[in-house]
Structures are given as structure tokens and as C-alpha cells.
């Protein structure tokens, strides 16, 4: 699958493997740095992913083994081009707050600035052992306003996050795993393979149930306490959809019949 419209994509590609979409940023000449045209393409891809009932999990990666995404294309910006981001944010994902389906980042190299922010916006992060992470924006007079300054302190301890934010220092995949923002470290060249393994594990569960779980987690993180959200869980849209779904009937039936469930996603 080379494109999603009549115009072939120039800066990314999509490969469909059953229920899984592999989305690859393809700007290796600039270490997969993203400019406005790339963000617009990625926005279109993830818009389609969210609305395609056959697509259940996405894996996002970068072309080659050198970089996942080096962040904002500063040379493009310095040349005076329009750098306005789409409504869904940098890379079409950092401001996509209403998405329901899981996205896994397969970080196959550098994830700097906006590239790290894209990875943080994903639900899971698999990193090759040579991957490097940083929010170095202050060193070039900028700030990580694509969600990095908001998400990192929510995903790891505050002092660890501030240590990265205030110094802009580079963190290895192993340290990212120890901090808690990386789920697994894979061998160099194996990040995508590991991410697909995680995607396969996700597919063992009902997509309707997963959407409900995601919504509960996200709403719970926004709530001031567990008590404040506990009794509202069943009224959340994705949870209501789950309780009205065929998957909710299929799961217990398959368990009782000692067979694998056949999820319909409805």
C-alpha cells in the first residue's frame, strides 16, 4: 500500500499487514525530520487509520536504522517556509487527543525534539538498543510545545523528566527503559520486528475492549482522584460501545468453549 489518495505520498508510506498498519516516515536525507508537508501526509494517514474498521493497531517508525525522527526540520524552517502544523499536531499525532486505536512507536535510531514528542504521544514505545532520546529545543532557542513538556513528566518521575528537559541531554534506550518511557529495548535493526510482536499481542484482545480500556485510562489520568472517575466509567462512550458489542458476547462464549475468540470489533 503506497498511498491513501490519488496523489502518491512523498514523505511517508503505509504497509498493511492484516489488522496492522506500518507507517514509515521517509525522509532519510534529513534523518526523517518533519516539515509541514510531512505532517500533513501523516495527518491524512492517521485520519484514515482511525476511521478504517479493518485497521486495529498501527506501528510508527522511520526509514533506515539511523533515525526514527530527528524532530522539526530546522533548515526548512530557516528557509522561511510555512511551518504551521495541522490540527492534529506535529507529525499528525501529537495533538490527536481523541484517537481510540493503539499506536506503537518503533524507535529505530535518533528520536530528538519533535521526534521524541511523537514517540511519547504513542501508546507504547519499542526502542532499538542504539536509539537516543532528547528534548534539546532550548539549545536552539525553542521549546518542546508539541507535547513533550507535558507528556514526559506524566510518564516518568518528575525529577528525571526535569533533568532531561532542563539540560537537553541525550538518553540511551537502556536508560529510557530504566526511566519508564520505553517498553522494550530491541537489537539494532529489530525494533520494528519487536513492535510487531507487541502489535500481535494487542490483537489477541477485543479491539472494542481495548478502546474502552484506553478511554478509561485517559479519563482517569485527567481526573483528580480515582473516586472522581470510578462511577463514571460505564457512561464513557467507548465503554458503552463495549457493553453493546458482539465482542462482549463472543469473549465469554469462546472462553467457555475453550477456543480462541473471533473478534469482530463491533
C-alpha atoms as a PDB file:
ATOM      1  CA  UNK A   1       0.000   0.000   0.000  1.00  0.00           C
ATOM      2  CA  UNK A   2       1.914   3.014  -1.271  1.00  0.00           C
ATOM      3  CA  UNK A   3      -0.620   5.728  -0.722  1.00  0.00           C
ATOM      4  CA  UNK A   4      -4.049   6.647   0.571  1.00  0.00           C
ATOM      5  CA  UNK A   5      -5.168   9.050  -2.116  1.00  0.00           C
ATOM      6  CA  UNK A   6      -4.830   9.704  -5.822  1.00  0.00           C
ATOM      7  CA  UNK A   7      -1.591  11.581  -5.135  1.00  0.00           C
ATOM      8  CA  UNK A   8       1.270   9.289  -4.036  1.00  0.00           C
ATOM      9  CA  UNK A   9       2.781  10.208  -0.696  1.00  0.00           C
ATOM     10  CA  UNK A  10       6.268  11.683  -0.787  1.00  0.00           C
ATOM     11  CA  UNK A  11       7.276  11.741   2.880  1.00  0.00           C
ATOM     12  CA  UNK A  12       5.783   8.591   4.399  1.00  0.00           C
ATOM     13  CA  UNK A  13       4.393   5.221   3.433  1.00  0.00           C
ATOM     14  CA  UNK A  14       1.885   2.693   4.755  1.00  0.00           C
ATOM     15  CA  UNK A  15       2.102  -1.077   4.663  1.00  0.00           C
ATOM     16  CA  UNK A  16      -0.964  -3.041   5.721  1.00  0.00           C
ATOM     17  CA  UNK A  17      -0.457  -6.457   7.333  1.00  0.00           C
ATOM     18  CA  UNK A  18      -3.899  -7.724   8.195  1.00  0.00           C
ATOM     19  CA  UNK A  19      -5.198  -5.542  11.027  1.00  0.00           C
ATOM     20  CA  UNK A  20      -1.841  -3.788  11.482  1.00  0.00           C
ATOM     21  CA  UNK A  21      -0.699  -0.628   9.690  1.00  0.00           C
ATOM     22  CA  UNK A  22       3.035   0.024   9.489  1.00  0.00           C
ATOM     23  CA  UNK A  23       3.530   3.751   8.958  1.00  0.00           C
ATOM     24  CA  UNK A  24       7.057   4.791   7.983  1.00  0.00           C
ATOM     25  CA  UNK A  25       8.424   8.339   7.926  1.00  0.00           C
ATOM     26  CA  UNK A  26      10.503   8.525   4.740  1.00  0.00           C
ATOM     27  CA  UNK A  27      12.865  11.491   4.809  1.00  0.00           C
ATOM     28  CA  UNK A  28      16.189   9.732   5.464  1.00  0.00           C
ATOM     29  CA  UNK A  29      18.171  12.530   3.827  1.00  0.00           C
ATOM     30  CA  UNK A  30      17.300  14.720   6.851  1.00  0.00           C
ATOM     31  CA  UNK A  31      17.193  11.877   9.390  1.00  0.00           C
ATOM     32  CA  UNK A  32      13.422  11.693   8.995  1.00  0.00           C
ATOM     33  CA  UNK A  33      12.966  15.247  10.297  1.00  0.00           C
ATOM     34  CA  UNK A  34       9.439  16.511   9.764  1.00  0.00           C
ATOM     35  CA  UNK A  35       8.252  19.636   7.995  1.00  0.00           C
ATOM     36  CA  UNK A  36       4.698  20.819   7.289  1.00  0.00           C
ATOM     37  CA  UNK A  37       4.188  18.676   4.142  1.00  0.00           C
ATOM     38  CA  UNK A  38       5.244  15.553   6.061  1.00  0.00           C
ATOM     39  CA  UNK A  39       2.932  16.418   8.944  1.00  0.00           C
ATOM     40  CA  UNK A  40       0.030  16.861   6.541  1.00  0.00           C
ATOM     41  CA  UNK A  41       0.689  13.472   4.957  1.00  0.00           C
ATOM     42  CA  UNK A  42       0.909  11.778   8.346  1.00  0.00           C
ATOM     43  CA  UNK A  43      -2.280  13.510   9.453  1.00  0.00           C
ATOM     44  CA  UNK A  44      -4.077  12.054   6.413  1.00  0.00           C
ATOM     45  CA  UNK A  45      -2.676   8.600   7.170  1.00  0.00           C
ATOM     46  CA  UNK A  46      -3.792   8.587  10.803  1.00  0.00           C
ATOM     47  CA  UNK A  47      -7.171  10.097   9.911  1.00  0.00           C
ATOM     48  CA  UNK A  48      -7.707   7.123   7.616  1.00  0.00           C
ATOM     49  CA  UNK A  49      -6.365   4.676  10.202  1.00  0.00           C
ATOM     50  CA  UNK A  50      -8.812   5.904  12.830  1.00  0.00           C
ATOM     51  CA  UNK A  51     -11.816   5.580  10.536  1.00  0.00           C
ATOM     52  CA  UNK A  52     -10.916   2.281   8.806  1.00  0.00           C
ATOM     53  CA  UNK A  53     -12.805  -0.513  10.640  1.00  0.00           C
ATOM     54  CA  UNK A  54     -10.289  -3.081   9.361  1.00  0.00           C
ATOM     55  CA  UNK A  55      -7.335  -1.251  10.958  1.00  0.00           C
ATOM     56  CA  UNK A  56      -6.865  -2.082  14.647  1.00  0.00           C
ATOM     57  CA  UNK A  57      -3.225  -1.283  15.531  1.00  0.00           C
ATOM     58  CA  UNK A  58      -0.569   0.985  13.983  1.00  0.00           C
ATOM     59  CA  UNK A  59       3.207   0.851  14.238  1.00  0.00           C
ATOM     60  CA  UNK A  60       5.048   4.096  13.512  1.00  0.00           C
ATOM     61  CA  UNK A  61       8.729   4.035  12.552  1.00  0.00           C
ATOM     62  CA  UNK A  62      11.348   5.835  10.470  1.00  0.00           C
ATOM     63  CA  UNK A  63      13.153   4.752   7.322  1.00  0.00           C
ATOM     64  CA  UNK A  64      16.586   3.197   7.859  1.00  0.00           C
ATOM     65  CA  UNK A  65      18.433   2.436  11.079  1.00  0.00           C
ATOM     66  CA  UNK A  66      19.849   5.877  11.811  1.00  0.00           C
ATOM     67  CA  UNK A  67      16.810   7.857  12.900  1.00  0.00           C
ATOM     68  CA  UNK A  68      13.218   7.436  13.955  1.00  0.00           C
ATOM     69  CA  UNK A  69      12.720  11.177  13.604  1.00  0.00           C
ATOM     70  CA  UNK A  70      15.238  13.953  14.227  1.00  0.00           C
ATOM     71  CA  UNK A  71      12.400  16.347  15.049  1.00  0.00           C
ATOM     72  CA  UNK A  72      11.489  19.597  13.373  1.00  0.00           C
ATOM     73  CA  UNK A  73      13.215  20.274  10.060  1.00  0.00           C
ATOM     74  CA  UNK A  74      15.064  23.406  11.178  1.00  0.00           C
ATOM     75  CA  UNK A  75      16.673  24.008   7.781  1.00  0.00           C
ATOM     76  CA  UNK A  76      13.245  24.025   6.184  1.00  0.00           C
ATOM     77  CA  UNK A  77      12.071  26.471   8.847  1.00  0.00           C
ATOM     78  CA  UNK A  78      15.158  28.689   8.414  1.00  0.00           C
ATOM     79  CA  UNK A  79      14.412  28.971   4.699  1.00  0.00           C
ATOM     80  CA  UNK A  80      11.183  30.768   5.584  1.00  0.00           C
ATOM     81  CA  UNK A  81       8.678  28.087   4.648  1.00  0.00           C
ATOM     82  CA  UNK A  82       5.276  27.791   6.281  1.00  0.00           C
ATOM     83  CA  UNK A  83       5.735  25.706   9.432  1.00  0.00           C
ATOM     84  CA  UNK A  84       2.119  25.743  10.633  1.00  0.00           C
ATOM     85  CA  UNK A  85       1.197  22.338  11.969  1.00  0.00           C
ATOM     86  CA  UNK A  86      -2.145  20.628  11.206  1.00  0.00           C
ATOM     87  CA  UNK A  87      -4.852  20.479  13.885  1.00  0.00           C
ATOM     88  CA  UNK A  88      -3.683  17.007  14.892  1.00  0.00           C
ATOM     89  CA  UNK A  89      -0.235  18.335  15.731  1.00  0.00           C
ATOM     90  CA  UNK A  90       3.357  17.595  14.821  1.00  0.00           C
ATOM     91  CA  UNK A  91       3.557  14.511  12.655  1.00  0.00           C
ATOM     92  CA  UNK A  92      -0.244  14.408  12.610  1.00  0.00           C
ATOM     93  CA  UNK A  93      -0.267  12.764  16.025  1.00  0.00           C
ATOM     94  CA  UNK A  94       0.910  14.941  18.953  1.00  0.00           C
ATOM     95  CA  UNK A  95      -2.435  16.795  19.234  1.00  0.00           C
ATOM     96  CA  UNK A  96      -4.613  13.829  18.255  1.00  0.00           C
ATOM     97  CA  UNK A  97      -6.315  13.571  21.641  1.00  0.00           C
ATOM     98  CA  UNK A  98      -9.496  11.800  20.569  1.00  0.00           C
ATOM     99  CA  UNK A  99      -7.882   8.764  18.921  1.00  0.00           C
ATOM    100  CA  UNK A 100      -9.184   5.371  20.016  1.00  0.00           C
ATOM    101  CA  UNK A 101      -6.765   2.850  18.498  1.00  0.00           C
ATOM    102  CA  UNK A 102      -3.337   1.816  19.822  1.00  0.00           C
ATOM    103  CA  UNK A 103      -0.198   3.177  18.161  1.00  0.00           C
ATOM    104  CA  UNK A 104       3.243   1.721  18.842  1.00  0.00           C
ATOM    105  CA  UNK A 105       6.432   3.695  18.199  1.00  0.00           C
ATOM    106  CA  UNK A 106       9.258   1.533  16.809  1.00  0.00           C
ATOM    107  CA  UNK A 107      12.193   3.859  17.524  1.00  0.00           C
ATOM    108  CA  UNK A 108      14.985   2.739  15.236  1.00  0.00           C
ATOM    109  CA  UNK A 109      17.550   5.469  15.977  1.00  0.00           C
ATOM    110  CA  UNK A 110      17.504   9.131  16.910  1.00  0.00           C
ATOM    111  CA  UNK A 111      14.293  10.470  18.455  1.00  0.00           C
ATOM    112  CA  UNK A 112      15.148  14.110  19.036  1.00  0.00           C
ATOM    113  CA  UNK A 113      12.878  17.010  19.916  1.00  0.00           C
ATOM    114  CA  UNK A 114       9.670  16.622  17.958  1.00  0.00           C
ATOM    115  CA  UNK A 115      10.653  13.062  17.112  1.00  0.00           C
ATOM    116  CA  UNK A 116      10.706  12.213  20.809  1.00  0.00           C
ATOM    117  CA  UNK A 117       7.413  14.055  21.227  1.00  0.00           C
ATOM    118  CA  UNK A 118       5.841  11.875  18.528  1.00  0.00           C
ATOM    119  CA  UNK A 119       7.105   8.737  20.277  1.00  0.00           C
ATOM    120  CA  UNK A 120       5.771   9.970  23.629  1.00  0.00           C
ATOM    121  CA  UNK A 121       2.365  10.520  22.018  1.00  0.00           C
ATOM    122  CA  UNK A 122       2.196   6.824  21.079  1.00  0.00           C
ATOM    123  CA  UNK A 123       0.766   4.246  23.480  1.00  0.00           C
ATOM    124  CA  UNK A 124       3.852   2.020  23.556  1.00  0.00           C
ATOM    125  CA  UNK A 125       7.493   2.648  22.709  1.00  0.00           C
ATOM    126  CA  UNK A 126       9.883  -0.034  21.470  1.00  0.00           C
ATOM    127  CA  UNK A 127      13.461   1.194  21.052  1.00  0.00           C
ATOM    128  CA  UNK A 128      16.453  -0.251  19.244  1.00  0.00           C
ATOM    129  CA  UNK A 129      19.469  -0.515  21.539  1.00  0.00           C
ATOM    130  CA  UNK A 130      21.218   2.339  19.690  1.00  0.00           C
ATOM    131  CA  UNK A 131      18.225   4.688  19.953  1.00  0.00           C
ATOM    132  CA  UNK A 132      18.807   8.095  21.545  1.00  0.00           C
ATOM    133  CA  UNK A 133      16.190  10.422  23.033  1.00  0.00           C
ATOM    134  CA  UNK A 134      16.320  14.124  23.902  1.00  0.00           C
ATOM    135  CA  UNK A 135      14.344  17.363  24.104  1.00  0.00           C
ATOM    136  CA  UNK A 136      17.143  19.744  23.035  1.00  0.00           C
ATOM    137  CA  UNK A 137      14.907  22.652  21.966  1.00  0.00           C
ATOM    138  CA  UNK A 138      16.296  25.204  24.485  1.00  0.00           C
ATOM    139  CA  UNK A 139      19.717  24.813  22.859  1.00  0.00           C
ATOM    140  CA  UNK A 140      18.321  26.335  19.666  1.00  0.00           C
ATOM    141  CA  UNK A 141      16.066  28.869  21.381  1.00  0.00           C
ATOM    142  CA  UNK A 142      12.880  26.828  21.165  1.00  0.00           C
ATOM    143  CA  UNK A 143      10.572  24.863  23.464  1.00  0.00           C
ATOM    144  CA  UNK A 144       9.064  21.390  23.066  1.00  0.00           C
ATOM    145  CA  UNK A 145       5.486  22.603  22.634  1.00  0.00           C
ATOM    146  CA  UNK A 146       4.320  19.541  20.682  1.00  0.00           C
ATOM    147  CA  UNK A 147       3.503  17.793  23.942  1.00  0.00           C
ATOM    148  CA  UNK A 148       6.929  16.717  25.133  1.00  0.00           C
ATOM    149  CA  UNK A 149       6.980  19.065  28.119  1.00  0.00           C
ATOM    150  CA  UNK A 150       3.513  17.847  29.091  1.00  0.00           C
ATOM    151  CA  UNK A 151       3.797  14.110  28.440  1.00  0.00           C
ATOM    152  CA  UNK A 152       7.290  13.323  29.717  1.00  0.00           C
ATOM    153  CA  UNK A 153       6.574  14.395  33.343  1.00  0.00           C
ATOM    154  CA  UNK A 154       3.405  12.271  33.234  1.00  0.00           C
ATOM    155  CA  UNK A 155       5.231   9.186  32.024  1.00  0.00           C
ATOM    156  CA  UNK A 156       8.320   9.202  34.268  1.00  0.00           C
ATOM    157  CA  UNK A 157       9.212  10.693  37.679  1.00  0.00           C
ATOM    158  CA  UNK A 158       9.299  14.491  37.738  1.00  0.00           C
ATOM    159  CA  UNK A 159      12.980  14.866  38.657  1.00  0.00           C
ATOM    160  CA  UNK A 160      14.011  12.513  35.860  1.00  0.00           C
ATOM    161  CA  UNK A 161      11.865  14.454  33.405  1.00  0.00           C
ATOM    162  CA  UNK A 162      13.204  17.820  34.541  1.00  0.00           C
ATOM    163  CA  UNK A 163      16.735  16.502  34.258  1.00  0.00           C
ATOM    164  CA  UNK A 164      16.145  15.804  30.578  1.00  0.00           C
ATOM    165  CA  UNK A 165      14.133  18.965  29.941  1.00  0.00           C
ATOM    166  CA  UNK A 166      16.461  21.486  31.593  1.00  0.00           C
ATOM    167  CA  UNK A 167      19.704  20.077  30.221  1.00  0.00           C
ATOM    168  CA  UNK A 168      18.556  18.787  26.832  1.00  0.00           C
ATOM    169  CA  UNK A 169      20.834  15.813  27.436  1.00  0.00           C
ATOM    170  CA  UNK A 170      20.678  12.649  25.367  1.00  0.00           C
ATOM    171  CA  UNK A 171      19.277   9.490  26.931  1.00  0.00           C
ATOM    172  CA  UNK A 172      20.000   5.980  25.671  1.00  0.00           C
ATOM    173  CA  UNK A 173      17.400   3.292  25.049  1.00  0.00           C
ATOM    174  CA  UNK A 174      18.597   1.403  28.130  1.00  0.00           C
ATOM    175  CA  UNK A 175      18.203   4.497  30.311  1.00  0.00           C
ATOM    176  CA  UNK A 176      14.789   5.178  28.763  1.00  0.00           C
ATOM    177  CA  UNK A 177      13.754   1.663  29.754  1.00  0.00           C
ATOM    178  CA  UNK A 178      15.010   2.235  33.305  1.00  0.00           C
ATOM    179  CA  UNK A 179      13.178   5.583  33.493  1.00  0.00           C
ATOM    180  CA  UNK A 180       9.970   4.003  32.239  1.00  0.00           C
ATOM    181  CA  UNK A 181       9.128   5.654  28.930  1.00  0.00           C
ATOM    182  CA  UNK A 182      10.473   2.710  26.866  1.00  0.00           C
ATOM    183  CA  UNK A 183       8.614  -0.628  26.972  1.00  0.00           C
ATOM    184  CA  UNK A 184      11.318  -2.811  25.444  1.00  0.00           C
ATOM    185  CA  UNK A 185      14.843  -2.476  24.054  1.00  0.00           C
ATOM    186  CA  UNK A 186      15.463  -4.474  20.892  1.00  0.00           C
ATOM    187  CA  UNK A 187      18.632  -5.260  18.996  1.00  0.00           C
ATOM    188  CA  UNK A 188      19.680  -2.779  16.336  1.00  0.00           C
ATOM    189  CA  UNK A 189      17.590  -3.443  13.252  1.00  0.00           C
ATOM    190  CA  UNK A 190      14.967  -5.344  15.266  1.00  0.00           C
ATOM    191  CA  UNK A 191      12.800  -2.528  16.663  1.00  0.00           C
ATOM    192  CA  UNK A 192      10.081  -2.967  14.041  1.00  0.00           C
ATOM    193  CA  UNK A 193      10.069  -6.721  14.499  1.00  0.00           C
ATOM    194  CA  UNK A 194       9.675  -6.298  18.268  1.00  0.00           C
ATOM    195  CA  UNK A 195       6.935  -3.689  17.817  1.00  0.00           C
ATOM    196  CA  UNK A 196       5.029  -6.064  15.529  1.00  0.00           C
ATOM    197  CA  UNK A 197       5.278  -8.736  18.202  1.00  0.00           C
ATOM    198  CA  UNK A 198       3.634  -6.316  20.648  1.00  0.00           C
ATOM    199  CA  UNK A 199       1.007  -5.494  17.993  1.00  0.00           C
ATOM    200  CA  UNK A 200       0.222  -9.201  17.633  1.00  0.00           C
ATOM    201  CA  UNK A 201      -0.239  -9.473  21.394  1.00  0.00           C
ATOM    202  CA  UNK A 202      -2.610  -6.499  21.304  1.00  0.00           C
ATOM    203  CA  UNK A 203      -4.638  -8.193  18.554  1.00  0.00           C
ATOM    204  CA  UNK A 204      -5.342 -11.096  20.915  1.00  0.00           C
ATOM    205  CA  UNK A 205      -7.734  -8.790  22.756  1.00  0.00           C
ATOM    206  CA  UNK A 206     -11.010  -7.352  21.528  1.00  0.00           C
ATOM    207  CA  UNK A 207     -10.485  -4.006  19.778  1.00  0.00           C
ATOM    208  CA  UNK A 208     -13.700  -2.754  21.333  1.00  0.00           C
ATOM    209  CA  UNK A 209     -12.451  -3.675  24.793  1.00  0.00           C
ATOM    210  CA  UNK A 210      -9.097  -2.039  24.080  1.00  0.00           C
ATOM    211  CA  UNK A 211     -10.768   1.211  23.049  1.00  0.00           C
ATOM    212  CA  UNK A 212     -12.770   1.140  26.277  1.00  0.00           C
ATOM    213  CA  UNK A 213      -9.625   0.480  28.304  1.00  0.00           C
ATOM    214  CA  UNK A 214      -7.786   3.354  26.590  1.00  0.00           C
ATOM    215  CA  UNK A 215     -10.626   5.768  27.259  1.00  0.00           C
ATOM    216  CA  UNK A 216     -10.857   4.801  30.928  1.00  0.00           C
ATOM    217  CA  UNK A 217      -7.093   5.204  31.404  1.00  0.00           C
ATOM    218  CA  UNK A 218      -7.004   8.574  29.653  1.00  0.00           C
ATOM    219  CA  UNK A 219     -10.039   9.940  31.507  1.00  0.00           C
ATOM    220  CA  UNK A 220      -8.642   8.572  34.746  1.00  0.00           C
ATOM    221  CA  UNK A 221      -5.374  10.441  34.269  1.00  0.00           C
ATOM    222  CA  UNK A 222      -7.357  13.649  33.818  1.00  0.00           C
ATOM    223  CA  UNK A 223      -9.482  13.083  36.934  1.00  0.00           C
ATOM    224  CA  UNK A 224      -8.416  14.487  40.317  1.00  0.00           C
ATOM    225  CA  UNK A 225      -8.893  11.092  42.008  1.00  0.00           C
ATOM    226  CA  UNK A 226      -9.956   7.502  41.372  1.00  0.00           C
ATOM    227  CA  UNK A 227     -13.202   8.201  43.203  1.00  0.00           C
ATOM    228  CA  UNK A 228     -13.986  11.113  40.888  1.00  0.00           C
ATOM    229  CA  UNK A 229     -13.989   8.912  37.788  1.00  0.00           C
ATOM    230  CA  UNK A 230     -14.850   5.452  39.153  1.00  0.00           C
ATOM    231  CA  UNK A 231     -18.650   5.674  38.903  1.00  0.00           C
ATOM    232  CA  UNK A 232     -18.484   7.421  35.505  1.00  0.00           C
ATOM    233  CA  UNK A 233     -16.640   4.595  33.752  1.00  0.00           C
ATOM    234  CA  UNK A 234     -19.653   2.806  32.307  1.00  0.00           C
ATOM    235  CA  UNK A 235     -21.078   6.002  30.861  1.00  0.00           C
ATOM    236  CA  UNK A 236     -17.978   6.743  28.770  1.00  0.00           C
ATOM    237  CA  UNK A 237     -18.691   6.380  25.023  1.00  0.00           C
ATOM    238  CA  UNK A 238     -16.163   3.605  24.333  1.00  0.00           C
ATOM    239  CA  UNK A 239     -17.295   1.669  27.406  1.00  0.00           C
ATOM    240  CA  UNK A 240     -20.943   1.990  26.392  1.00  0.00           C
ATOM    241  CA  UNK A 241     -19.976   0.689  22.948  1.00  0.00           C
ATOM    242  CA  UNK A 242     -18.222  -2.270  24.573  1.00  0.00           C
ATOM    243  CA  UNK A 243     -21.257  -3.254  26.642  1.00  0.00           C
ATOM    244  CA  UNK A 244     -23.407  -3.132  23.498  1.00  0.00           C
ATOM    245  CA  UNK A 245     -20.929  -5.048  21.366  1.00  0.00           C
ATOM    246  CA  UNK A 246     -20.828  -8.530  19.856  1.00  0.00           C
ATOM    247  CA  UNK A 247     -17.292  -8.906  21.215  1.00  0.00           C
ATOM    248  CA  UNK A 248     -18.646  -8.766  24.764  1.00  0.00           C
ATOM    249  CA  UNK A 249     -20.760 -11.839  23.952  1.00  0.00           C
ATOM    250  CA  UNK A 250     -18.033 -13.606  21.976  1.00  0.00           C
ATOM    251  CA  UNK A 251     -15.350 -13.360  24.679  1.00  0.00           C
ATOM    252  CA  UNK A 252     -17.104 -15.332  27.450  1.00  0.00           C
ATOM    253  CA  UNK A 253     -18.547 -17.779  24.874  1.00  0.00           C
ATOM    254  CA  UNK A 254     -15.079 -18.551  23.471  1.00  0.00           C
ATOM    255  CA  UNK A 255     -13.711 -18.976  26.989  1.00  0.00           C
ATOM    256  CA  UNK A 256     -16.466 -21.435  27.894  1.00  0.00           C
ATOM    257  CA  UNK A 257     -15.936 -23.368  24.658  1.00  0.00           C
ATOM    258  CA  UNK A 258     -12.151 -23.409  25.157  1.00  0.00           C
ATOM    259  CA  UNK A 259     -11.371 -21.800  21.812  1.00  0.00           C
ATOM    260  CA  UNK A 260      -9.820 -18.589  20.574  1.00  0.00           C
ATOM    261  CA  UNK A 261     -12.325 -15.757  20.288  1.00  0.00           C
ATOM    262  CA  UNK A 262     -13.186 -14.386  16.866  1.00  0.00           C
ATOM    263  CA  UNK A 263     -13.314 -10.647  17.358  1.00  0.00           C
ATOM    264  CA  UNK A 264     -15.406  -8.538  15.005  1.00  0.00           C
ATOM    265  CA  UNK A 265     -14.515  -5.165  16.501  1.00  0.00           C
ATOM    266  CA  UNK A 266     -18.184  -4.389  16.897  1.00  0.00           C
END
